[in-house]
């Protein structure tokens, strides 16, 4: 009976290790797809809601260490657990018990970091968390089956640990070189992104431009070298990423950017253009921000920044009410002029040709950006967006595309 129980536990450990391997590989893949998309048309988006999304993790400060994605270390742990379950020995059991404990500590730390700092949860990471907890419990049960004390978790084989450390460091160095190669390819990728941008079809601006200026460099919108119309949702994680990008780009390109925020909350309480209800509460946030844009436009950049800086809290009706009180805008939720403005801006989403078979109109997700009369759905990495901005400034200043002459055929 004891042998059968031990066999079942080791089978469970093998499957848990396989689960860790699968989700680690998925997180590694997502990390590189999100940070190094092959083209401006092929990014990696994983944002089921404002809370459940993987993009915030892929772009977070601890997503990698010197180019080595965190998922790589999870991959090593999963492989070690599989090996330990298939080739059992006292040294393997002690070492894997030790690793399962510290892996659990790391998982709890990452979970807390996601919940309280990123204010979101990566579904791919959650899969790894789940199998890590299962593995720890199974190692604990296996130790009890073998009537070993908890000190078993603190007595790893130093020889095995040293061997694993060498193996892990070798693989990590390979990832580091791969990451550096990806970074060095930025110049070529940036050139390719600019070429692809100029090949996008002409897209007209909406018939109604929002009064919500995120960045204002000139009196008239079309006078700036860089013009962005951002269809956004205040509870959209990728919109938050774009908002942070624009904060950086504003400092890099002072006096060159005009950016408008077109309210497009993905909540069917106020948006009938798309059949989505991803972000309850986003209508109220749009009303509140639109109120400021309509009556006190100089304060809009401030409330735009504050909402995105507190996006998780913004899902709370109480927080939204407190924000309205702070800006002395409690009537924003009932003001007919504000509701009419938001409704008209949302309706402009019907003015564009459909970009997906699933939705009847062109504007169907956020962020959708019309940048100098070209539509980009989703976000771009900093280096691609920066290269496009530089090209647009060169075109505005010289009246030609000399900045692009090496890789874009002049028309």
Protein backbone atom coordinates (compact mmCIF):
# COMPACT_ATOMS: atom_id res chain seq x y z
CA UNK A 1 0.00 0.00 0.00
CA UNK A 2 2.84 2.34 0.90
CA UNK A 3 4.56 1.64 -2.42
CA UNK A 4 1.39 2.41 -4.34
CA UNK A 5 0.90 5.65 -2.44
CA UNK A 6 4.50 6.68 -3.10
CA UNK A 7 4.14 5.80 -6.79
CA UNK A 8 0.97 7.91 -7.01
CA UNK A 9 2.71 10.85 -5.33
CA UNK A 10 5.69 10.63 -7.67
CA UNK A 11 3.38 10.48 -10.67
CA UNK A 12 1.65 13.59 -9.33
CA UNK A 13 5.04 15.29 -8.91
CA UNK A 14 5.99 14.43 -12.47
CA UNK A 15 2.74 15.94 -13.78
CA UNK A 16 3.18 19.04 -11.58
CA UNK A 17 6.70 19.45 -12.96
CA UNK A 18 5.35 19.11 -16.50
CA UNK A 19 2.78 21.82 -15.70
CA UNK A 20 5.56 24.11 -14.47
CA UNK A 21 7.54 23.47 -17.65
CA UNK A 22 4.57 24.23 -19.93
CA UNK A 23 3.60 27.48 -18.22
CA UNK A 24 7.23 28.58 -17.93
CA UNK A 25 7.70 28.11 -21.67
CA UNK A 26 4.50 30.07 -22.33
CA UNK A 27 5.64 32.97 -20.13
CA UNK A 28 9.07 33.02 -21.82
CA UNK A 29 7.41 33.06 -25.23
CA UNK A 30 5.04 35.84 -24.21
CA UNK A 31 7.89 37.91 -22.75
CA UNK A 32 9.80 37.96 -26.03
CA UNK A 33 6.71 38.40 -28.21
CA UNK A 34 5.54 41.35 -26.11
CA UNK A 35 8.92 43.08 -25.92
CA UNK A 36 10.25 42.20 -29.38
CA UNK A 37 7.35 41.87 -31.85
CA UNK A 38 8.47 40.95 -35.35
CA UNK A 39 6.33 43.65 -36.97
CA UNK A 40 3.96 46.43 -35.95
CA UNK A 41 1.12 44.09 -36.90
CA UNK A 42 2.18 41.19 -34.68
CA UNK A 43 2.38 42.09 -31.03
CA UNK A 44 1.40 39.85 -28.15
CA UNK A 45 -1.75 40.82 -26.30
CA UNK A 46 -3.08 38.98 -23.31
CA UNK A 47 -5.50 41.25 -21.46
CA UNK A 48 -8.75 39.49 -20.68
CA UNK A 49 -9.66 42.30 -18.29
CA UNK A 50 -8.09 45.16 -16.36
CA UNK A 51 -7.03 42.68 -13.68
CA UNK A 52 -6.40 39.44 -15.57
CA UNK A 53 -3.71 40.25 -18.10
CA UNK A 54 -0.17 39.12 -18.91
CA UNK A 55 1.10 42.25 -20.64
CA UNK A 56 1.67 44.13 -17.40
CA UNK A 57 3.91 41.29 -16.20
CA UNK A 58 5.81 41.12 -19.49
CA UNK A 59 6.61 44.84 -19.28
CA UNK A 60 7.27 44.95 -15.51
CA UNK A 61 10.69 45.89 -14.05
CA UNK A 62 11.29 42.34 -12.79
CA UNK A 63 10.14 40.51 -15.92
CA UNK A 64 13.79 39.67 -16.56
CA UNK A 65 17.22 39.86 -14.96
CA UNK A 66 19.96 40.94 -17.36
CA UNK A 67 17.85 39.64 -20.22
CA UNK A 68 17.02 36.32 -18.56
CA UNK A 69 13.21 36.05 -18.21
CA UNK A 70 11.96 34.86 -14.84
CA UNK A 71 10.13 32.06 -16.60
CA UNK A 72 13.50 30.46 -17.35
CA UNK A 73 14.14 29.78 -13.67
CA UNK A 74 10.67 28.24 -13.38
CA UNK A 75 11.52 26.05 -16.37
CA UNK A 76 14.62 24.73 -14.58
CA UNK A 77 12.61 24.00 -11.42
CA UNK A 78 10.02 22.06 -13.43
CA UNK A 79 12.71 19.99 -15.17
CA UNK A 80 14.39 19.19 -11.85
CA UNK A 81 11.10 18.09 -10.28
CA UNK A 82 10.39 15.80 -13.24
CA UNK A 83 13.84 14.24 -13.01
CA UNK A 84 13.51 13.78 -9.25
CA UNK A 85 10.19 11.99 -9.61
CA UNK A 86 11.42 9.67 -12.39
CA UNK A 87 14.81 8.88 -10.82
CA UNK A 88 14.11 8.86 -7.05
CA UNK A 89 16.93 8.83 -4.55
CA UNK A 90 17.43 10.31 -1.08
CA UNK A 91 19.67 13.05 -2.52
CA UNK A 92 17.14 13.99 -5.18
CA UNK A 93 14.28 13.97 -2.67
CA UNK A 94 16.11 16.19 -0.19
CA UNK A 95 17.19 18.61 -2.92
CA UNK A 96 13.76 18.81 -4.54
CA UNK A 97 12.07 19.29 -1.18
CA UNK A 98 14.47 22.16 -0.50
CA UNK A 99 13.83 23.68 -3.94
CA UNK A 100 10.06 23.26 -3.65
CA UNK A 101 10.06 25.26 -0.43
CA UNK A 102 12.10 28.17 -1.80
CA UNK A 103 10.21 28.05 -5.08
CA UNK A 104 7.00 28.42 -3.06
CA UNK A 105 8.48 31.42 -1.23
CA UNK A 106 9.36 32.99 -4.58
CA UNK A 107 5.90 32.27 -5.97
CA UNK A 108 4.22 33.93 -2.99
CA UNK A 109 6.52 36.95 -3.39
CA UNK A 110 5.74 37.28 -7.09
CA UNK A 111 2.02 36.89 -6.43
CA UNK A 112 2.10 39.69 -3.85
CA UNK A 113 4.15 41.85 -6.23
CA UNK A 114 1.58 41.32 -8.97
CA UNK A 115 -1.41 42.03 -6.74
CA UNK A 116 -0.09 45.04 -4.84
CA UNK A 117 2.44 46.64 -7.22
CA UNK A 118 1.33 45.71 -10.74
CA UNK A 119 -2.30 45.51 -9.54
CA UNK A 120 -2.97 42.72 -12.02
CA UNK A 121 -2.55 38.97 -12.38
CA UNK A 122 -0.86 37.18 -15.27
CA UNK A 123 -2.84 34.07 -16.23
CA UNK A 124 0.25 32.32 -17.56
CA UNK A 125 2.14 33.06 -14.34
CA UNK A 126 -0.88 31.88 -12.34
CA UNK A 127 -0.62 28.49 -14.03
CA UNK A 128 2.95 28.20 -12.82
CA UNK A 129 1.92 29.34 -9.32
CA UNK A 130 -0.77 26.66 -9.21
CA UNK A 131 1.56 23.81 -10.15
CA UNK A 132 4.25 25.11 -7.78
CA UNK A 133 1.84 24.94 -4.85
CA UNK A 134 0.75 21.44 -5.91
CA UNK A 135 4.40 20.35 -6.14
CA UNK A 136 5.20 21.65 -2.67
CA UNK A 137 2.21 19.87 -1.14
CA UNK A 138 3.14 16.63 -2.91
CA UNK A 139 6.75 16.80 -1.71
CA UNK A 140 5.42 17.40 1.80
CA UNK A 141 3.14 14.35 1.53
CA UNK A 142 5.96 12.23 0.09
CA UNK A 143 8.21 13.12 2.99
CA UNK A 144 5.50 12.12 5.44
CA UNK A 145 4.97 8.85 3.58
CA UNK A 146 8.65 8.13 4.02
CA UNK A 147 8.38 9.22 7.68
CA UNK A 148 10.94 11.94 7.26
CA UNK A 149 11.03 15.09 9.34
CA UNK A 150 10.50 18.61 8.06
CA UNK A 151 14.25 19.13 8.37
CA UNK A 152 14.35 17.11 5.14
CA UNK A 153 13.48 20.41 3.43
CA UNK A 154 16.66 22.04 4.76
CA UNK A 155 19.20 19.34 3.87
CA UNK A 156 19.75 19.46 0.09
CA UNK A 157 22.60 17.71 -1.63
CA UNK A 158 25.24 20.39 -2.06
CA UNK A 159 26.79 18.47 -4.95
CA UNK A 160 23.44 18.39 -6.77
CA UNK A 161 22.78 22.06 -6.03
CA UNK A 162 26.21 23.01 -7.37
CA UNK A 163 25.63 20.98 -10.54
CA UNK A 164 22.19 22.58 -11.01
CA UNK A 165 23.66 26.04 -10.43
CA UNK A 166 26.27 25.47 -13.16
CA UNK A 167 23.65 24.14 -15.55
CA UNK A 168 21.27 27.04 -14.77
CA UNK A 169 23.99 29.67 -15.14
CA UNK A 170 24.99 28.25 -18.54
CA UNK A 171 21.44 28.43 -19.83
CA UNK A 172 20.97 31.89 -18.32
CA UNK A 173 24.07 33.13 -20.14
CA UNK A 174 22.57 31.85 -23.38
CA UNK A 175 19.35 33.78 -22.69
CA UNK A 176 21.41 36.87 -21.85
CA UNK A 177 23.17 36.68 -25.22
CA UNK A 178 19.86 36.10 -26.99
CA UNK A 179 18.32 39.13 -25.26
CA UNK A 180 21.31 41.31 -26.17
CA UNK A 181 21.04 40.18 -29.78
CA UNK A 182 17.37 41.16 -29.74
CA UNK A 183 18.28 44.60 -28.39
CA UNK A 184 21.00 45.08 -30.97
CA UNK A 185 18.47 44.22 -33.68
CA UNK A 186 16.35 47.17 -32.54
CA UNK A 187 17.81 49.47 -35.16
CA UNK A 188 16.91 47.16 -38.01
CA UNK A 189 13.53 46.39 -36.45
CA UNK A 190 12.89 50.10 -35.95
CA UNK A 191 13.62 50.76 -39.62
CA UNK A 192 11.25 47.96 -40.55
CA UNK A 193 8.57 49.38 -38.24
CA UNK A 194 8.87 52.81 -39.86
CA UNK A 195 8.58 51.28 -43.32
CA UNK A 196 5.49 49.31 -42.28
CA UNK A 197 3.99 52.43 -40.70
CA UNK A 198 4.29 54.44 -43.93
CA UNK A 199 2.75 51.57 -45.87
CA UNK A 200 -0.41 51.67 -43.76
CA UNK A 201 -3.45 53.04 -45.61
CA UNK A 202 -4.58 56.61 -45.08
CA UNK A 203 -7.11 56.89 -42.24
CA UNK A 204 -9.15 60.03 -41.68
CA UNK A 205 -9.49 61.55 -38.25
CA UNK A 206 -12.88 61.17 -36.54
CA UNK A 207 -15.58 63.69 -37.39
CA UNK A 208 -15.60 64.81 -33.76
CA UNK A 209 -12.24 65.34 -32.07
CA UNK A 210 -12.34 65.08 -28.31
CA UNK A 211 -11.60 68.19 -26.22
CA UNK A 212 -9.54 65.91 -23.94
CA UNK A 213 -5.94 66.87 -24.73
CA UNK A 214 -3.40 64.51 -23.19
CA UNK A 215 -0.50 66.51 -24.66
CA UNK A 216 -0.85 69.89 -26.34
CA UNK A 217 2.05 71.48 -28.18
CA UNK A 218 0.23 73.72 -30.68
CA UNK A 219 -3.06 75.54 -30.88
CA UNK A 220 -4.42 73.45 -33.74
CA UNK A 221 -4.22 69.68 -33.56
CA UNK A 222 -2.85 69.22 -37.11
CA UNK A 223 0.03 71.66 -36.61
CA UNK A 224 2.20 69.32 -34.53
CA UNK A 225 4.62 66.94 -36.31
CA UNK A 226 3.25 64.07 -34.23
CA UNK A 227 -0.55 63.78 -33.98
CA UNK A 228 -2.25 61.04 -32.00
CA UNK A 229 -5.94 60.35 -31.61
CA UNK A 230 -6.16 57.69 -28.90
CA UNK A 231 -9.33 55.65 -28.58
CA UNK A 232 -8.92 54.50 -24.99
CA UNK A 233 -10.54 52.98 -21.93
CA UNK A 234 -9.45 54.04 -18.45
CA UNK A 235 -9.56 50.44 -17.19
CA UNK A 236 -7.61 48.96 -20.11
CA UNK A 237 -4.09 47.71 -19.17
CA UNK A 238 -2.66 48.34 -22.64
CA UNK A 239 -4.08 51.87 -22.54
CA UNK A 240 -2.24 52.33 -19.25
CA UNK A 241 0.96 51.14 -20.94
CA UNK A 242 0.42 53.62 -23.78
CA UNK A 243 -0.26 56.44 -21.30
CA UNK A 244 3.08 55.75 -19.61
CA UNK A 245 4.79 55.66 -23.02
CA UNK A 246 3.37 59.06 -23.91
CA UNK A 247 4.63 60.50 -20.61
CA UNK A 248 8.15 59.43 -21.61
CA UNK A 249 7.81 60.53 -25.23
CA UNK A 250 6.56 63.96 -24.14
CA UNK A 251 9.91 64.49 -22.41
CA UNK A 252 11.89 63.12 -25.36
CA UNK A 253 10.01 65.16 -28.01
CA UNK A 254 9.06 68.44 -26.28
CA UNK A 255 6.79 70.69 -28.31
CA UNK A 256 6.34 68.05 -31.03
CA UNK A 257 3.32 66.02 -29.90
CA UNK A 258 -0.42 66.65 -29.90
CA UNK A 259 -2.42 63.81 -28.38
CA UNK A 260 -6.20 63.59 -27.87
CA UNK A 261 -8.09 61.02 -25.81
CA UNK A 262 -11.22 59.69 -27.53
CA UNK A 263 -13.41 58.13 -24.84
CA UNK A 264 -14.18 54.53 -25.77
CA UNK A 265 -15.05 52.62 -22.57
CA UNK A 266 -15.48 48.88 -23.17
CA UNK A 267 -18.64 48.75 -21.07
CA UNK A 268 -21.95 48.21 -22.82
CA UNK A 269 -23.77 50.47 -20.37
CA UNK A 270 -22.64 53.43 -22.49
CA UNK A 271 -20.91 51.86 -25.50
CA UNK A 272 -23.16 50.21 -28.07
CA UNK A 273 -20.57 50.32 -30.84
CA UNK A 274 -18.91 47.10 -29.64
CA UNK A 275 -20.61 44.23 -27.87
CA UNK A 276 -18.19 44.04 -24.94
CA UNK A 277 -18.51 44.49 -21.22
CA UNK A 278 -14.89 44.02 -20.19
CA UNK A 279 -14.46 46.96 -17.84
CA UNK A 280 -17.43 47.80 -15.60
CA UNK A 281 -16.96 51.30 -14.24
CA UNK A 282 -15.16 52.64 -17.29
CA UNK A 283 -18.26 54.61 -18.37
CA UNK A 284 -18.25 56.54 -15.10
CA UNK A 285 -14.53 57.25 -15.47
CA UNK A 286 -15.14 58.52 -18.99
CA UNK A 287 -17.93 60.79 -17.76
CA UNK A 288 -15.73 62.16 -15.01
CA UNK A 289 -12.73 62.78 -17.27
CA UNK A 290 -14.98 64.22 -20.01
CA UNK A 291 -16.48 66.64 -17.48
CA UNK A 292 -12.99 67.95 -16.73
CA UNK A 293 -12.10 68.10 -20.43
CA UNK A 294 -15.31 69.99 -21.20
CA UNK A 295 -15.28 72.54 -18.38
CA UNK A 296 -11.67 72.65 -17.14
CA UNK A 297 -9.57 71.31 -20.04
CA UNK A 298 -6.28 72.43 -18.52
CA UNK A 299 -6.79 69.83 -15.75
CA UNK A 300 -7.42 66.89 -18.06
CA UNK A 301 -3.78 65.69 -18.27
CA UNK A 302 -3.73 65.60 -14.47
CA UNK A 303 -6.88 63.47 -14.07
CA UNK A 304 -5.81 61.29 -17.03
CA UNK A 305 -2.54 60.54 -15.23
CA UNK A 306 -4.20 60.04 -11.85
CA UNK A 307 -6.74 57.50 -13.12
CA UNK A 308 -4.15 55.39 -14.92
CA UNK A 309 -1.79 55.60 -11.94
CA UNK A 310 -4.56 54.12 -9.78
CA UNK A 311 -6.22 51.86 -12.32
CA UNK A 312 -6.98 49.01 -9.94
CA UNK A 313 -8.53 51.33 -7.36
CA UNK A 314 -10.48 53.01 -10.17
CA UNK A 315 -12.60 49.88 -10.51
CA UNK A 316 -14.21 50.80 -7.19
CA UNK A 317 -17.31 52.98 -7.33
CA UNK A 318 -16.32 54.53 -4.00
CA UNK A 319 -12.90 55.52 -5.35
CA UNK A 320 -14.49 57.08 -8.42
CA UNK A 321 -16.84 59.09 -6.22
CA UNK A 322 -13.93 60.25 -4.07
CA UNK A 323 -12.08 61.32 -7.22
CA UNK A 324 -15.14 63.27 -8.37
CA UNK A 325 -15.26 65.04 -5.01
CA UNK A 326 -11.54 65.80 -5.22
CA UNK A 327 -12.04 67.52 -8.59
CA UNK A 328 -15.36 69.07 -7.50
CA UNK A 329 -17.10 67.25 -10.32
CA UNK A 330 -19.80 65.16 -8.62
CA UNK A 331 -22.35 66.21 -11.25
CA UNK A 332 -20.21 64.60 -13.98
CA UNK A 333 -22.20 61.34 -13.75
CA UNK A 334 -25.52 63.05 -14.50
CA UNK A 335 -24.55 66.06 -16.63
CA UNK A 336 -26.43 65.67 -19.96
CA UNK A 337 -23.78 67.65 -21.86
CA UNK A 338 -21.06 65.29 -20.64
CA UNK A 339 -23.08 62.17 -21.46
CA UNK A 340 -23.87 63.55 -24.90
CA UNK A 341 -20.21 64.33 -25.56
CA UNK A 342 -19.05 60.84 -24.55
CA UNK A 343 -21.83 59.26 -26.60
CA UNK A 344 -20.90 61.26 -29.71
CA UNK A 345 -17.22 60.38 -29.36
CA UNK A 346 -18.04 56.68 -28.96
CA UNK A 347 -20.26 56.85 -32.05
CA UNK A 348 -17.30 58.04 -34.14
CA UNK A 349 -16.05 54.47 -33.85
CA UNK A 350 -18.65 53.58 -36.49
CA UNK A 351 -16.93 55.82 -39.06
CA UNK A 352 -14.13 53.34 -39.80
CA UNK A 353 -14.08 50.25 -41.97
CA UNK A 354 -14.25 47.02 -40.02
CA UNK A 355 -10.89 45.67 -38.90
CA UNK A 356 -12.19 42.34 -37.60
CA UNK A 357 -14.78 39.85 -38.79
CA UNK A 358 -16.12 39.69 -35.24
CA UNK A 359 -17.09 43.36 -35.01
CA UNK A 360 -19.03 45.55 -37.46
CA UNK A 361 -16.91 48.70 -37.07
CA UNK A 362 -13.26 49.64 -37.32
CA UNK A 363 -12.82 50.88 -33.76
CA UNK A 364 -13.45 47.73 -31.74
CA UNK A 365 -10.71 47.52 -29.08
CA UNK A 366 -8.45 49.73 -27.01
CA UNK A 367 -6.06 51.28 -27.44
CA UNK A 368 -6.62 52.08 -31.09
CA UNK A 369 -4.43 54.98 -32.19
CA UNK A 370 -4.73 57.09 -35.31
CA UNK A 371 -1.20 58.44 -35.66
CA UNK A 372 -0.78 61.03 -38.42
CA UNK A 373 -3.70 59.51 -40.36
CA UNK A 374 -2.62 55.88 -39.95
CA UNK A 375 -4.38 53.44 -37.66
CA UNK A 376 -2.47 51.28 -35.17
CA UNK A 377 -4.46 48.80 -33.09
CA UNK A 378 -2.76 48.00 -29.80
CA UNK A 379 0.63 49.15 -28.56
CA UNK A 380 4.17 49.19 -29.91
CA UNK A 381 7.46 48.78 -28.02
CA UNK A 382 9.22 52.04 -27.13
CA UNK A 383 11.94 51.68 -29.76
CA UNK A 384 9.43 51.25 -32.60
CA UNK A 385 7.24 54.13 -31.49
CA UNK A 386 10.30 56.34 -31.01
CA UNK A 387 11.59 55.55 -34.51
CA UNK A 388 8.22 56.41 -36.06
CA UNK A 389 8.09 59.69 -34.12
CA UNK A 390 11.60 60.60 -35.34
CA UNK A 391 10.55 59.87 -38.93
CA UNK A 392 7.45 62.04 -38.60
CA UNK A 393 9.48 64.94 -37.20
CA UNK A 394 12.00 64.62 -40.05
CA UNK A 395 9.18 64.59 -42.58
CA UNK A 396 7.60 67.69 -41.02
CA UNK A 397 10.85 69.64 -40.84
CA UNK A 398 12.23 68.83 -44.29
CA UNK A 399 9.06 68.17 -46.26
CA UNK A 400 10.52 64.84 -47.34
CA UNK A 401 11.35 61.43 -45.92
CA UNK A 402 15.14 61.64 -46.09
CA UNK A 403 15.24 59.92 -42.69
CA UNK A 404 13.78 56.88 -44.44
CA UNK A 405 15.56 56.97 -47.79
CA UNK A 406 17.69 53.91 -47.03
CA UNK A 407 14.79 51.54 -46.52
CA UNK A 408 11.55 53.12 -47.73
CA UNK A 409 11.11 53.61 -51.49
CA UNK A 410 10.14 57.21 -52.09
CA UNK A 411 6.81 57.56 -53.87
